[in-house]
Amino acid sequence: MIVMSNDSAERTIIPILISKADCASILGVSVRAIDYLITNKKLESRRLGRRVLVVRSSVLRFAAKDNPEPLCQ
């Protein structure tokens, strides 16, 4: 987890790994499309027990590939 803060009172926790459902929501595609992207090595993932989690930085890289504008993190 990454903790970002401007001061000690406000802290935002940004997860390093996200669920396939959250990843699909972020990219605006189906969970099946996320499975396809993971299978074809377009997105990095990690398995924790039965869960498959997607590496957040790989989602940002994937989204930025065809977008010349910098994405906010």
PDB file of N, CA and C in Angstrom:
ATOM      1  N   MET A   1       0.813  -1.171   0.000  1.00  0.00           N
ATOM      2  CA  MET A   1       0.000   0.000   0.000  1.00  0.00           C
ATOM      3  C   MET A   1       0.864   1.245   0.000  1.00  0.00           C
ATOM      4  N   ILE A   2       0.424   2.248  -0.708  1.00  0.00           N
ATOM      5  CA  ILE A   2       1.120   3.520  -0.747  1.00  0.00           C
ATOM      6  C   ILE A   2       0.286   4.528   0.028  1.00  0.00           C
ATOM      7  N   VAL A   3       0.908   5.230   0.949  1.00  0.00           N
ATOM      8  CA  VAL A   3       0.197   6.246   1.715  1.00  0.00           C
ATOM      9  C   VAL A   3       0.678   7.603   1.239  1.00  0.00           C
ATOM     10  N   MET A   4      -0.257   8.415   0.758  1.00  0.00           N
ATOM     11  CA  MET A   4       0.072   9.750   0.291  1.00  0.00           C
ATOM     12  C   MET A   4      -0.574  10.745   1.259  1.00  0.00           C
ATOM     13  N   SER A   5       0.165  11.754   1.648  1.00  0.00           N
ATOM     14  CA  SER A   5      -0.424  12.749   2.542  1.00  0.00           C
ATOM     15  C   SER A   5       0.237  14.099   2.359  1.00  0.00           C
ATOM     16  N   ASN A   6      -0.571  15.131   2.566  1.00  0.00           N
ATOM     17  CA  ASN A   6      -0.053  16.494   2.567  1.00  0.00           C
ATOM     18  C   ASN A   6       0.291  16.902   3.987  1.00  0.00           C
ATOM     19  N   ASP A   7      -0.434  16.371   4.915  1.00  0.00           N
ATOM     20  CA  ASP A   7      -0.138  16.586   6.321  1.00  0.00           C
ATOM     21  C   ASP A   7      -0.554  15.331   7.079  1.00  0.00           C
ATOM     22  N   SER A   8      -0.279  15.301   8.356  1.00  0.00           N
ATOM     23  CA  SER A   8      -0.558  14.091   9.132  1.00  0.00           C
ATOM     24  C   SER A   8      -2.055  13.851   9.332  1.00  0.00           C
ATOM     25  N   ALA A   9      -2.898  14.862   9.171  1.00  0.00           N
ATOM     26  CA  ALA A   9      -4.334  14.707   9.383  1.00  0.00           C
ATOM     27  C   ALA A   9      -5.021  14.032   8.199  1.00  0.00           C
ATOM     28  N   GLU A  10      -4.527  14.274   6.974  1.00  0.00           N
ATOM     29  CA  GLU A  10      -5.141  13.702   5.781  1.00  0.00           C
ATOM     30  C   GLU A  10      -4.225  12.653   5.174  1.00  0.00           C
ATOM     31  N   ARG A  11      -4.703  11.426   5.114  1.00  0.00           N
ATOM     32  CA  ARG A  11      -3.938  10.356   4.495  1.00  0.00           C
ATOM     33  C   ARG A  11      -4.833   9.602   3.530  1.00  0.00           C
ATOM     34  N   THR A  12      -4.315   9.375   2.352  1.00  0.00           N
ATOM     35  CA  THR A  12      -5.019   8.600   1.352  1.00  0.00           C
ATOM     36  C   THR A  12      -4.234   7.325   1.107  1.00  0.00           C
ATOM     37  N   ILE A  13      -4.885   6.205   1.259  1.00  0.00           N
ATOM     38  CA  ILE A  13      -4.229   4.927   1.037  1.00  0.00           C
ATOM     39  C   ILE A  13      -4.538   4.471  -0.383  1.00  0.00           C
ATOM     40  N   ILE A  14      -3.498   4.253  -1.169  1.00  0.00           N
ATOM     41  CA  ILE A  14      -3.645   3.808  -2.548  1.00  0.00           C
ATOM     42  C   ILE A  14      -3.155   2.365  -2.613  1.00  0.00           C
ATOM     43  N   PRO A  15      -4.047   1.422  -2.935  1.00  0.00           N
ATOM     44  CA  PRO A  15      -3.627   0.015  -2.971  1.00  0.00           C
ATOM     45  C   PRO A  15      -2.672  -0.269  -4.126  1.00  0.00           C
ATOM     46  N   ILE A  16      -1.738  -1.162  -3.901  1.00  0.00           N
ATOM     47  CA  ILE A  16      -0.802  -1.578  -4.934  1.00  0.00           C
ATOM     48  C   ILE A  16      -1.443  -2.636  -5.821  1.00  0.00           C
ATOM     49  N   LEU A  17      -2.263  -3.490  -5.223  1.00  0.00           N
ATOM     50  CA  LEU A  17      -2.981  -4.530  -5.954  1.00  0.00           C
ATOM     51  C   LEU A  17      -4.473  -4.242  -5.900  1.00  0.00           C
ATOM     52  N   ILE A  18      -5.167  -4.437  -7.032  1.00  0.00           N
ATOM     53  CA  ILE A  18      -6.608  -4.205  -7.076  1.00  0.00           C
ATOM     54  C   ILE A  18      -7.302  -5.435  -7.641  1.00  0.00           C
ATOM     55  N   SER A  19      -8.562  -5.595  -7.285  1.00  0.00           N
ATOM     56  CA  SER A  19      -9.328  -6.747  -7.760  1.00  0.00           C
ATOM     57  C   SER A  19      -9.601  -6.617  -9.258  1.00  0.00           C
ATOM     58  N   LYS A  20      -9.926  -7.742  -9.877  1.00  0.00           N
ATOM     59  CA  LYS A  20     -10.247  -7.723 -11.307  1.00  0.00           C
ATOM     60  C   LYS A  20     -11.498  -6.888 -11.550  1.00  0.00           C
ATOM     61  N   ALA A  21     -12.460  -6.944 -10.636  1.00  0.00           N
ATOM     62  CA  ALA A  21     -13.694  -6.158 -10.786  1.00  0.00           C
ATOM     63  C   ALA A  21     -13.393  -4.664 -10.726  1.00  0.00           C
ATOM     64  N   ASP A  22     -12.539  -4.255  -9.786  1.00  0.00           N
ATOM     65  CA  ASP A  22     -12.158  -2.841  -9.690  1.00  0.00           C
ATOM     66  C   ASP A  22     -11.365  -2.410 -10.919  1.00  0.00           C
ATOM     67  N   CYS A  23     -10.487  -3.282 -11.385  1.00  0.00           N
ATOM     68  CA  CYS A  23      -9.699  -2.987 -12.584  1.00  0.00           C
ATOM     69  C   CYS A  23     -10.623  -2.802 -13.788  1.00  0.00           C
ATOM     70  N   ALA A  24     -11.610  -3.679 -13.929  1.00  0.00           N
ATOM     71  CA  ALA A  24     -12.564  -3.575 -15.030  1.00  0.00           C
ATOM     72  C   ALA A  24     -13.335  -2.256 -14.954  1.00  0.00           C
ATOM     73  N   SER A  25     -13.716  -1.868 -13.758  1.00  0.00           N
ATOM     74  CA  SER A  25     -14.434  -0.609 -13.566  1.00  0.00           C
ATOM     75  C   SER A  25     -13.559   0.587 -13.941  1.00  0.00           C
ATOM     76  N   ILE A  26     -12.299   0.561 -13.547  1.00  0.00           N
ATOM     77  CA  ILE A  26     -11.373   1.653 -13.855  1.00  0.00           C
ATOM     78  C   ILE A  26     -11.192   1.803 -15.363  1.00  0.00           C
ATOM     79  N   LEU A  27     -11.030   0.674 -16.059  1.00  0.00           N
ATOM     80  CA  LEU A  27     -10.785   0.708 -17.498  1.00  0.00           C
ATOM     81  C   LEU A  27     -12.064   0.761 -18.326  1.00  0.00           C
ATOM     82  N   GLY A  28     -13.216   0.529 -17.685  1.00  0.00           N
ATOM     83  CA  GLY A  28     -14.486   0.583 -18.402  1.00  0.00           C
ATOM     84  C   GLY A  28     -14.716  -0.623 -19.300  1.00  0.00           C
ATOM     85  N   VAL A  29     -14.230  -1.768 -18.868  1.00  0.00           N
ATOM     86  CA  VAL A  29     -14.400  -3.007 -19.630  1.00  0.00           C
ATOM     87  C   VAL A  29     -14.972  -4.085 -18.708  1.00  0.00           C
ATOM     88  N   SER A  30     -15.211  -5.265 -19.262  1.00  0.00           N
ATOM     89  CA  SER A  30     -15.750  -6.366 -18.468  1.00  0.00           C
ATOM     90  C   SER A  30     -14.633  -7.097 -17.718  1.00  0.00           C
ATOM     91  N   VAL A  31     -15.026  -7.880 -16.721  1.00  0.00           N
ATOM     92  CA  VAL A  31     -14.056  -8.697 -15.992  1.00  0.00           C
ATOM     93  C   VAL A  31     -13.447  -9.728 -16.942  1.00  0.00           C
ATOM     94  N   ARG A  32     -14.230 -10.221 -17.878  1.00  0.00           N
ATOM     95  CA  ARG A  32     -13.715 -11.169 -18.871  1.00  0.00           C
ATOM     96  C   ARG A  32     -12.609 -10.530 -19.718  1.00  0.00           C
ATOM     97  N   ALA A  33     -12.768  -9.258 -20.044  1.00  0.00           N
ATOM     98  CA  ALA A  33     -11.727  -8.548 -20.795  1.00  0.00           C
ATOM     99  C   ALA A  33     -10.447  -8.443 -19.958  1.00  0.00           C
ATOM    100  N   ILE A  34     -10.586  -8.264 -18.658  1.00  0.00           N
ATOM    101  CA  ILE A  34      -9.424  -8.212 -17.760  1.00  0.00           C
ATOM    102  C   ILE A  34      -8.729  -9.567 -17.752  1.00  0.00           C
ATOM    103  N   ASP A  35      -9.522 -10.654 -17.697  1.00  0.00           N
ATOM    104  CA  ASP A  35      -8.949 -12.004 -17.769  1.00  0.00           C
ATOM    105  C   ASP A  35      -8.139 -12.177 -19.057  1.00  0.00           C
ATOM    106  N   TYR A  36      -8.682 -11.698 -20.158  1.00  0.00           N
ATOM    107  CA  TYR A  36      -8.004 -11.778 -21.456  1.00  0.00           C
ATOM    108  C   TYR A  36      -6.681 -11.003 -21.414  1.00  0.00           C
ATOM    109  N   LEU A  37      -6.710  -9.784 -20.861  1.00  0.00           N
ATOM    110  CA  LEU A  37      -5.501  -8.966 -20.787  1.00  0.00           C
ATOM    111  C   LEU A  37      -4.436  -9.596 -19.893  1.00  0.00           C
ATOM    112  N   ILE A  38      -4.876 -10.242 -18.813  1.00  0.00           N
ATOM    113  CA  ILE A  38      -3.934 -10.935 -17.922  1.00  0.00           C
ATOM    114  C   ILE A  38      -3.326 -12.140 -18.641  1.00  0.00           C
ATOM    115  N   THR A  39      -4.171 -12.926 -19.306  1.00  0.00           N
ATOM    116  CA  THR A  39      -3.700 -14.118 -20.027  1.00  0.00           C
ATOM    117  C   THR A  39      -2.688 -13.758 -21.102  1.00  0.00           C
ATOM    118  N   ASN A  40      -2.909 -12.633 -21.779  1.00  0.00           N
ATOM    119  CA  ASN A  40      -2.023 -12.207 -22.862  1.00  0.00           C
ATOM    120  C   ASN A  40      -0.908 -11.281 -22.400  1.00  0.00           C
ATOM    121  N   LYS A  41      -0.668 -11.265 -21.074  1.00  0.00           N
ATOM    122  CA  LYS A  41       0.453 -10.523 -20.476  1.00  0.00           C
ATOM    123  C   LYS A  41       0.402  -9.013 -20.723  1.00  0.00           C
ATOM    124  N   LYS A  42      -0.790  -8.467 -20.922  1.00  0.00           N
ATOM    125  CA  LYS A  42      -0.944  -7.021 -21.076  1.00  0.00           C
ATOM    126  C   LYS A  42      -1.063  -6.350 -19.716  1.00  0.00           C
ATOM    127  N   LEU A  43      -1.535  -7.109 -18.710  1.00  0.00           N
ATOM    128  CA  LEU A  43      -1.622  -6.636 -17.332  1.00  0.00           C
ATOM    129  C   LEU A  43      -0.901  -7.628 -16.428  1.00  0.00           C
ATOM    130  N   GLU A  44      -0.179  -7.107 -15.434  1.00  0.00           N
ATOM    131  CA  GLU A  44       0.485  -7.963 -14.448  1.00  0.00           C
ATOM    132  C   GLU A  44      -0.513  -8.314 -13.358  1.00  0.00           C
ATOM    133  N   SER A  45      -0.420  -9.540 -12.856  1.00  0.00           N
ATOM    134  CA  SER A  45      -1.315  -9.950 -11.781  1.00  0.00           C
ATOM    135  C   SER A  45      -0.558 -10.795 -10.771  1.00  0.00           C
ATOM    136  N   ARG A  46      -1.155 -10.932  -9.604  1.00  0.00           N
ATOM    137  CA  ARG A  46      -0.615 -11.773  -8.539  1.00  0.00           C
ATOM    138  C   ARG A  46      -1.760 -12.628  -8.006  1.00  0.00           C
ATOM    139  N   ARG A  47      -1.450 -13.861  -7.655  1.00  0.00           N
ATOM    140  CA  ARG A  47      -2.446 -14.751  -7.082  1.00  0.00           C
ATOM    141  C   ARG A  47      -2.241 -14.815  -5.575  1.00  0.00           C
ATOM    142  N   LEU A  48      -3.290 -14.558  -4.834  1.00  0.00           N
ATOM    143  CA  LEU A  48      -3.283 -14.684  -3.375  1.00  0.00           C
ATOM    144  C   LEU A  48      -4.389 -15.669  -3.019  1.00  0.00           C
ATOM    145  N   GLY A  49      -4.004 -16.911  -2.779  1.00  0.00           N
ATOM    146  CA  GLY A  49      -5.005 -17.945  -2.552  1.00  0.00           C
ATOM    147  C   GLY A  49      -5.821 -18.133  -3.811  1.00  0.00           C
ATOM    148  N   ARG A  50      -7.136 -17.972  -3.712  1.00  0.00           N
ATOM    149  CA  ARG A  50      -8.019 -18.090  -4.873  1.00  0.00           C
ATOM    150  C   ARG A  50      -8.164 -16.778  -5.634  1.00  0.00           C
ATOM    151  N   ARG A  51      -7.786 -15.695  -4.988  1.00  0.00           N
ATOM    152  CA  ARG A  51      -7.983 -14.379  -5.597  1.00  0.00           C
ATOM    153  C   ARG A  51      -6.868 -14.047  -6.582  1.00  0.00           C
ATOM    154  N   VAL A  52      -7.265 -13.395  -7.669  1.00  0.00           N
ATOM    155  CA  VAL A  52      -6.303 -12.864  -8.625  1.00  0.00           C
ATOM    156  C   VAL A  52      -6.404 -11.347  -8.538  1.00  0.00           C
ATOM    157  N   LEU A  53      -5.283 -10.706  -8.206  1.00  0.00           N
ATOM    158  CA  LEU A  53      -5.254  -9.258  -8.069  1.00  0.00           C
ATOM    159  C   LEU A  53      -4.349  -8.676  -9.150  1.00  0.00           C
ATOM    160  N   VAL A  54      -4.717  -7.505  -9.631  1.00  0.00           N
ATOM    161  CA  VAL A  54      -3.987  -6.853 -10.712  1.00  0.00           C
ATOM    162  C   VAL A  54      -3.073  -5.781 -10.123  1.00  0.00           C
ATOM    163  N   VAL A  55      -1.861  -5.708 -10.628  1.00  0.00           N
ATOM    164  CA  VAL A  55      -0.896  -4.704 -10.170  1.00  0.00           C
ATOM    165  C   VAL A  55      -1.331  -3.336 -10.707  1.00  0.00           C
ATOM    166  N   ARG A  56      -1.556  -2.404  -9.800  1.00  0.00           N
ATOM    167  CA  ARG A  56      -2.077  -1.080 -10.142  1.00  0.00           C
ATOM    168  C   ARG A  56      -1.208  -0.357 -11.180  1.00  0.00           C
ATOM    169  N   SER A  57       0.100  -0.434 -11.035  1.00  0.00           N
ATOM    170  CA  SER A  57       0.988   0.274 -11.965  1.00  0.00           C
ATOM    171  C   SER A  57       0.859  -0.276 -13.390  1.00  0.00           C
ATOM    172  N   SER A  58       0.558  -1.567 -13.531  1.00  0.00           N
ATOM    173  CA  SER A  58       0.386  -2.126 -14.872  1.00  0.00           C
ATOM    174  C   SER A  58      -0.902  -1.623 -15.515  1.00  0.00           C
ATOM    175  N   VAL A  59      -1.921  -1.342 -14.691  1.00  0.00           N
ATOM    176  CA  VAL A  59      -3.175  -0.773 -15.209  1.00  0.00           C
ATOM    177  C   VAL A  59      -2.912   0.639 -15.728  1.00  0.00           C
ATOM    178  N   LEU A  60      -2.156   1.427 -14.975  1.00  0.00           N
ATOM    179  CA  LEU A  60      -1.829   2.786 -15.398  1.00  0.00           C
ATOM    180  C   LEU A  60      -0.985   2.785 -16.667  1.00  0.00           C
ATOM    181  N   ARG A  61      -0.005   1.874 -16.741  1.00  0.00           N
ATOM    182  CA  ARG A  61       0.818   1.757 -17.954  1.00  0.00           C
ATOM    183  C   ARG A  61      -0.033   1.369 -19.157  1.00  0.00           C
ATOM    184  N   PHE A  62      -0.929   0.395 -18.958  1.00  0.00           N
ATOM    185  CA  PHE A  62      -1.785  -0.057 -20.050  1.00  0.00           C
ATOM    186  C   PHE A  62      -2.677   1.083 -20.544  1.00  0.00           C
ATOM    187  N   ALA A  63      -3.255   1.836 -19.624  1.00  0.00           N
ATOM    188  CA  ALA A  63      -4.144   2.938 -19.993  1.00  0.00           C
ATOM    189  C   ALA A  63      -3.381   4.064 -20.682  1.00  0.00           C
ATOM    190  N   ALA A  64      -2.121   4.243 -20.342  1.00  0.00           N
ATOM    191  CA  ALA A  64      -1.327   5.344 -20.894  1.00  0.00           C
ATOM    192  C   ALA A  64      -0.701   5.007 -22.246  1.00  0.00           C
ATOM    193  N   LYS A  65      -0.722   3.750 -22.661  1.00  0.00           N
ATOM    194  CA  LYS A  65      -0.050   3.351 -23.900  1.00  0.00           C
ATOM    195  C   LYS A  65      -0.504   4.151 -25.112  1.00  0.00           C
ATOM    196  N   ASP A  66      -1.786   4.318 -25.297  1.00  0.00           N
ATOM    197  CA  ASP A  66      -2.310   5.020 -26.471  1.00  0.00           C
ATOM    198  C   ASP A  66      -2.735   6.446 -26.157  1.00  0.00           C
ATOM    199  N   ASN A  67      -2.405   6.909 -24.961  1.00  0.00           N
ATOM    200  CA  ASN A  67      -2.834   8.231 -24.523  1.00  0.00           C
ATOM    201  C   ASN A  67      -1.593   9.105 -24.294  1.00  0.00           C
ATOM    202  N   PRO A  68      -1.339  10.097 -25.175  1.00  0.00           N
ATOM    203  CA  PRO A  68      -0.144  10.926 -25.008  1.00  0.00           C
ATOM    204  C   PRO A  68      -0.211  11.854 -23.785  1.00  0.00           C
ATOM    205  N   GLU A  69      -1.413  12.126 -23.292  1.00  0.00           N
ATOM    206  CA  GLU A  69      -1.562  12.987 -22.119  1.00  0.00           C
ATOM    207  C   GLU A  69      -1.167  12.218 -20.867  1.00  0.00           C
ATOM    208  N   PRO A  70      -0.461  12.834 -19.920  1.00  0.00           N
ATOM    209  CA  PRO A  70      -0.128  12.129 -18.687  1.00  0.00           C
ATOM    210  C   PRO A  70      -1.383  11.872 -17.853  1.00  0.00           C
ATOM    211  N   LEU A  71      -1.448  10.688 -17.265  1.00  0.00           N
ATOM    212  CA  LEU A  71      -2.573  10.340 -16.406  1.00  0.00           C
ATOM    213  C   LEU A  71      -2.239  10.715 -14.977  1.00  0.00           C
ATOM    214  N   CYS A  72      -3.212  11.222 -14.253  1.00  0.00           N
ATOM    215  CA  CYS A  72      -2.970  11.533 -12.835  1.00  0.00           C
ATOM    216  C   CYS A  72      -2.922  10.222 -12.070  1.00  0.00           C
ATOM    217  N   GLN A  73      -2.131  10.186 -11.008  1.00  0.00           N
ATOM    218  CA  GLN A  73      -1.992   8.961 -10.222  1.00  0.00           C
ATOM    219  C   GLN A  73      -2.627   9.175  -8.928  1.00  0.00           C
TER     220      GLN A  73
END
